[in-house]
Protein backbone atom coordinates (compact mmCIF):
# COMPACT_ATOMS: atom_id res chain seq x y z
CA UNK A 1 6.73 -26.63 -8.64
CA UNK A 2 8.76 -26.97 -5.44
CA UNK A 3 6.92 -28.40 -2.46
CA UNK A 4 9.03 -26.93 0.35
CA UNK A 5 8.22 -23.96 2.58
CA UNK A 6 7.76 -20.46 1.21
CA UNK A 7 9.15 -17.88 3.62
CA UNK A 8 7.28 -14.62 3.92
CA UNK A 9 8.12 -11.50 5.89
CA UNK A 10 5.23 -9.32 7.09
CA UNK A 11 5.86 -5.77 8.31
CA UNK A 12 2.81 -4.25 10.01
CA UNK A 13 3.25 -1.18 12.18
CA UNK A 14 3.06 2.57 12.41
CA UNK A 15 0.60 5.28 13.33
CA UNK A 16 -3.08 6.22 13.03
CA UNK A 17 -4.33 2.76 11.97
CA UNK A 18 -5.53 -0.38 13.71
CA UNK A 19 -2.38 -2.40 13.11
CA UNK A 20 -3.59 -5.25 15.33
CA UNK A 21 -6.63 -5.72 13.12
CA UNK A 22 -4.71 -5.51 9.83
CA UNK A 23 -1.96 -7.83 11.09
CA UNK A 24 -4.46 -10.50 12.17
CA UNK A 25 -6.43 -10.32 8.92
CA UNK A 26 -3.29 -10.65 6.82
CA UNK A 27 -2.01 -13.56 8.90
CA UNK A 28 -5.34 -15.34 8.47
CA UNK A 29 -5.05 -14.98 4.70
CA UNK A 30 -1.44 -16.18 4.75
CA UNK A 31 -2.49 -19.16 6.88
CA UNK A 32 -4.64 -20.40 4.00
CA UNK A 33 -1.40 -21.63 2.40
CA UNK A 34 0.16 -24.61 4.16
CA UNK A 35 3.58 -23.95 2.59
CA UNK A 36 3.83 -20.35 3.78
CA UNK A 37 5.87 -19.64 6.91
CA UNK A 38 5.81 -16.04 8.13
CA UNK A 39 8.01 -13.82 10.25
CA UNK A 40 6.38 -10.63 11.57
CA UNK A 41 7.91 -7.25 12.37
CA UNK A 42 6.87 -3.62 12.90
CA UNK A 43 9.56 -1.98 10.77
CA UNK A 44 12.48 -2.59 8.37
CA UNK A 45 15.19 -2.97 11.04
CA UNK A 46 15.97 -6.66 10.33
CA UNK A 47 17.28 -6.20 6.81
CA UNK A 48 19.06 -9.54 6.72
CA UNK A 49 15.78 -11.37 7.42
CA UNK A 50 14.08 -9.44 4.62
CA UNK A 51 16.79 -10.38 2.11
CA UNK A 52 16.50 -14.06 3.05
CA UNK A 53 12.71 -14.07 2.61
CA UNK A 54 10.92 -15.32 -0.48
CA UNK A 55 8.43 -12.47 -0.41
CA UNK A 56 7.62 -9.29 1.52
CA UNK A 57 4.27 -7.82 2.63
CA UNK A 58 3.98 -4.39 4.22
CA UNK A 59 1.06 -2.63 5.88
CA UNK A 60 2.44 0.48 7.57
CA UNK A 61 1.87 4.18 8.09
CA UNK A 62 4.71 6.67 8.56
CA UNK A 63 7.29 3.88 8.75
CA UNK A 64 10.30 4.27 6.45
CA UNK A 65 13.70 2.56 6.22
CA UNK A 66 16.94 4.31 7.02
CA UNK A 67 19.78 4.28 4.47
CA UNK A 68 21.16 0.91 5.54
CA UNK A 69 17.71 -0.69 5.61
CA UNK A 70 16.98 0.74 2.18
CA UNK A 71 20.06 -1.07 0.86
CA UNK A 72 18.67 -4.37 2.15
CA UNK A 73 15.37 -3.67 0.38
CA UNK A 74 17.30 -2.92 -2.82
CA UNK A 75 19.15 -6.23 -2.45
CA UNK A 76 15.85 -8.05 -1.93
CA UNK A 77 14.39 -6.58 -5.12
CA UNK A 78 17.63 -7.00 -7.09
CA UNK A 79 17.43 -10.73 -6.40
CA UNK A 80 14.00 -10.81 -8.07
CA UNK A 81 11.97 -10.42 -4.88
CA UNK A 82 8.26 -9.69 -4.92
CA UNK A 83 6.75 -7.16 -2.52
CA UNK A 84 3.04 -6.74 -1.77
CA UNK A 85 2.80 -3.18 -0.41
CA UNK A 86 -0.49 -2.11 1.14
CA UNK A 87 -2.25 1.12 2.04
CA UNK A 88 0.05 3.51 3.94
CA UNK A 89 3.37 1.89 3.06
CA UNK A 90 4.18 4.95 0.89
CA UNK A 91 3.21 7.53 3.51
CA UNK A 92 5.44 9.95 5.42
CA UNK A 93 3.51 12.42 7.55
CA UNK A 94 4.37 15.67 9.30
CA UNK A 95 1.86 18.07 10.79
CA UNK A 96 2.52 21.71 9.88
CA UNK A 97 0.72 24.13 12.19
CA UNK A 98 -1.69 26.32 10.27
CA UNK A 99 -1.38 24.26 7.08
CA UNK A 100 -2.23 20.67 7.93
CA UNK A 101 -0.61 17.32 7.17
CA UNK A 102 2.40 17.43 4.87
CA UNK A 103 4.23 14.64 3.00
CA UNK A 104 7.99 15.39 3.33
CA UNK A 105 10.12 14.40 0.33
CA UNK A 106 13.17 13.11 2.24
CA UNK A 107 12.85 9.44 1.23
CA UNK A 108 13.07 9.56 -2.56
CA UNK A 109 14.86 6.23 -2.99
CA UNK A 110 12.23 4.40 -0.95
CA UNK A 111 9.35 6.00 -2.84
CA UNK A 112 11.02 5.19 -6.18
CA UNK A 113 11.12 1.53 -5.09
CA UNK A 114 7.38 1.66 -4.40
CA UNK A 115 6.47 3.72 -7.46
CA UNK A 116 4.52 6.38 -5.56
CA UNK A 117 4.31 8.62 -2.51
CA UNK A 118 1.10 9.46 -0.68
CA UNK A 119 0.30 13.18 -0.59
CA UNK A 120 -3.28 13.49 0.64
CA UNK A 121 -6.75 12.00 0.72
CA UNK A 122 -10.21 13.60 0.70
CA UNK A 123 -12.69 12.84 3.51
CA UNK A 124 -13.62 9.16 3.57
CA UNK A 125 -16.68 8.34 1.52
CA UNK A 126 -17.51 5.67 -1.09
CA UNK A 127 -15.83 5.98 -4.48
CA UNK A 128 -15.85 3.86 -7.61
CA UNK A 129 -12.88 1.62 -8.37
CA UNK A 130 -12.53 0.64 -12.04
CA UNK A 131 -10.46 -2.07 -13.68
CA UNK A 132 -7.52 -0.72 -15.70
CA UNK A 133 -6.28 -3.95 -17.31
CA UNK A 134 -9.03 -6.58 -17.30
CA UNK A 135 -6.78 -9.13 -19.04
CA UNK A 136 -4.22 -9.28 -16.21
CA UNK A 137 -4.52 -12.38 -13.95
CA UNK A 138 -4.37 -10.24 -10.80
CA UNK A 139 -7.67 -8.53 -11.67
CA UNK A 140 -9.20 -10.76 -14.34
CA UNK A 141 -12.90 -11.28 -13.63
CA UNK A 142 -13.10 -8.49 -11.05
CA UNK A 143 -15.92 -6.04 -11.72
CA UNK A 144 -15.91 -2.32 -10.85
CA UNK A 145 -16.85 -1.78 -7.21
CA UNK A 146 -17.42 0.95 -4.64
CA UNK A 147 -14.87 1.31 -1.82
CA UNK A 148 -15.66 3.19 1.38
CA UNK A 149 -12.00 3.91 2.03
CA UNK A 150 -9.29 6.54 1.96
CA UNK A 151 -8.85 7.65 -1.65
CA UNK A 152 -5.11 8.04 -2.03
CA UNK A 153 -3.86 11.05 -3.97
CA UNK A 154 -0.26 10.33 -4.86
CA UNK A 155 2.86 11.45 -6.63
CA UNK A 156 4.10 8.72 -9.00
CA UNK A 157 7.64 7.55 -9.73
CA UNK A 158 8.81 5.63 -12.76
CA UNK A 159 6.58 3.41 -14.85
CA UNK A 160 3.58 1.80 -13.17
CA UNK A 161 1.33 -0.85 -14.74
CA UNK A 162 -2.18 0.16 -13.68
CA UNK A 163 -4.52 -2.67 -12.65
CA UNK A 164 -7.22 -0.74 -10.74
CA UNK A 165 -7.86 2.99 -10.67
CA UNK A 166 -10.31 5.65 -9.58
CA UNK A 167 -10.85 9.28 -10.54
CA UNK A 168 -10.82 12.35 -8.36
CA UNK A 169 -10.76 16.11 -8.67
CA UNK A 170 -11.56 18.41 -5.79
CA UNK A 171 -10.33 19.17 -2.30
CA UNK A 172 -8.41 17.24 0.34
CA UNK A 173 -8.93 19.43 3.43
CA UNK A 174 -6.47 18.96 6.25
CA UNK A 175 -3.50 18.37 3.94
CA UNK A 176 -0.97 20.85 2.59
CA UNK A 177 -1.58 19.44 -0.92
CA UNK A 178 -5.31 20.04 -0.68
CA UNK A 179 -6.27 21.32 -4.15
CA UNK A 180 -6.56 18.60 -6.81
CA UNK A 181 -8.09 20.04 -9.99
CA UNK A 182 -7.77 17.45 -12.73
CA UNK A 183 -5.11 15.46 -10.87
CA UNK A 184 -2.72 18.32 -10.12
CA UNK A 185 -2.00 19.32 -6.53
CA UNK A 186 -1.49 22.88 -5.40
CA UNK A 187 2.26 22.24 -5.36
CA UNK A 188 2.16 21.72 -9.13
CA UNK A 189 2.69 17.96 -9.12
CA UNK A 190 0.88 16.51 -12.10
CA UNK A 191 -0.41 12.95 -11.97
CA UNK A 192 -0.03 12.12 -15.66
CA UNK A 193 -2.18 15.05 -16.68
CA UNK A 194 -5.50 13.56 -15.63
CA UNK A 195 -7.69 12.96 -12.61
CA UNK A 196 -6.86 9.23 -12.55
CA UNK A 197 -5.46 7.85 -9.31
CA UNK A 198 -4.02 4.34 -9.15
CA UNK A 199 -5.57 1.92 -6.68
CA UNK A 200 -3.64 -1.23 -7.64
CA UNK A 201 -0.52 -1.28 -9.80
CA UNK A 202 2.65 -3.22 -10.57
CA UNK A 203 6.02 -1.48 -10.41
CA UNK A 204 9.32 -3.00 -11.51
CA UNK A 205 12.50 -1.98 -9.68
CA UNK A 206 16.04 -3.36 -9.97
CA UNK A 207 14.86 -6.73 -11.27
CA UNK A 208 12.18 -7.18 -8.62
CA UNK A 209 8.56 -6.12 -8.56
CA UNK A 210 6.15 -4.33 -6.24
CA UNK A 211 2.39 -4.83 -6.25
CA UNK A 212 0.91 -1.77 -4.56
CA UNK A 213 -2.69 -1.54 -3.34
CA UNK A 214 -3.86 1.70 -1.71
CA UNK A 215 -7.03 0.16 -0.25
CA UNK A 216 -7.29 -1.17 3.29
CA UNK A 217 -7.80 1.69 5.74
CA UNK A 218 -8.72 0.61 9.27
CA UNK A 219 -8.83 2.49 12.56
CA UNK A 220 -9.95 1.63 16.10
CA UNK A 221 -10.85 3.72 19.12
CA UNK A 222 -7.30 4.15 20.40
CA UNK A 223 -5.34 4.60 17.18
CA UNK A 224 -5.27 8.41 17.05
CA UNK A 225 -3.57 8.86 20.42
CA UNK A 226 -2.08 11.20 21.54
CA UNK A 227 -3.90 13.49 19.07
CA UNK A 228 -7.34 12.14 20.03
CA UNK A 229 -7.89 10.22 23.27
CA UNK A 230 -10.74 8.11 21.88
CA UNK A 231 -11.66 8.06 18.19
CA UNK A 232 -15.45 8.31 17.79
CA UNK A 233 -15.92 5.48 15.27
CA UNK A 234 -14.32 2.17 14.34
CA UNK A 235 -13.37 2.21 10.65
CA UNK A 236 -12.82 -0.94 8.60
CA UNK A 237 -12.75 0.48 5.06
CA UNK A 238 -12.37 -2.05 2.27
CA UNK A 239 -11.76 -4.88 4.74
CA UNK A 240 -15.57 -5.23 4.76
CA UNK A 241 -15.60 -6.09 1.05
CA UNK A 242 -15.21 -9.65 -0.27
CA UNK A 243 -13.55 -8.22 -3.39
CA UNK A 244 -10.77 -6.71 -1.26
CA UNK A 245 -10.07 -10.08 0.31
CA UNK A 246 -9.96 -11.57 -3.19
CA UNK A 247 -7.43 -8.91 -4.26
CA UNK A 248 -5.31 -9.70 -1.21
CA UNK A 249 -5.49 -13.45 -1.86
CA UNK A 250 -4.34 -12.93 -5.43
CA UNK A 251 -1.59 -10.61 -4.23
CA UNK A 252 -0.34 -13.17 -1.74
CA UNK A 253 -0.32 -15.92 -4.38
CA UNK A 254 1.56 -13.58 -6.73
CA UNK A 255 4.11 -12.50 -4.11
CA UNK A 256 4.82 -16.03 -2.94
CA UNK A 257 4.66 -17.54 -6.43
CA UNK A 258 2.12 -19.94 -4.97
CA UNK A 259 0.26 -20.75 -8.20
CA UNK A 260 1.06 -20.57 -11.88
CA UNK A 261 -2.04 -18.49 -12.57
CA UNK A 262 -0.70 -15.68 -10.35
CA UNK A 263 2.75 -15.48 -12.00
């Protein structure tokens, strides 16, 4: 195995989340690897830097690439790049008066890269996360656990290799896609005909691969401005769980090809 530096590119930015907290926690995990050197950004604007990187990590909310930036991401994946995409990377949000939060469909190419698009989540409360493929190195040895986090209800694109999943049927108040009986939203989008929602999955695209994890919600007092001047509670979601940190560590090793067991 090569002993030189491994160049990572971390994009952490957007709305409604404590990006400072998430950025620091991810940098601390990346700093566990002496070979890893990291550039940090808030969006996809430096496409040339992304293409030159060995791996990409994103933790965003309502941040999407424009057409030119999307081409750089395609080039990164076409060269065999690995992308660890976290939490709200697949979210696009628009508030519709009288209906709630909507997920506009204007970024199909981007969502096809990621393998999913966020549509809604029910009110935050603990839910069970189960292991989908216990033989895969990314989740081998991980036991089912409870996550006090946003449970992502998503529309899926292409073929996704499920590693962790949960199950949900019910209501997601505050979102336009609020009815989810058996995994089907009110807009008629079926999620493979069941109530299963993916929590961690692998998605191949153009020769590269995305590892997507929906866990990791965090919010501080000031992160809902200008909608709310001061949010009443600090939320740390799955960041409080040792198992989430283990999933992130494995994801980082996988993305950076930092150990044979993660390949």
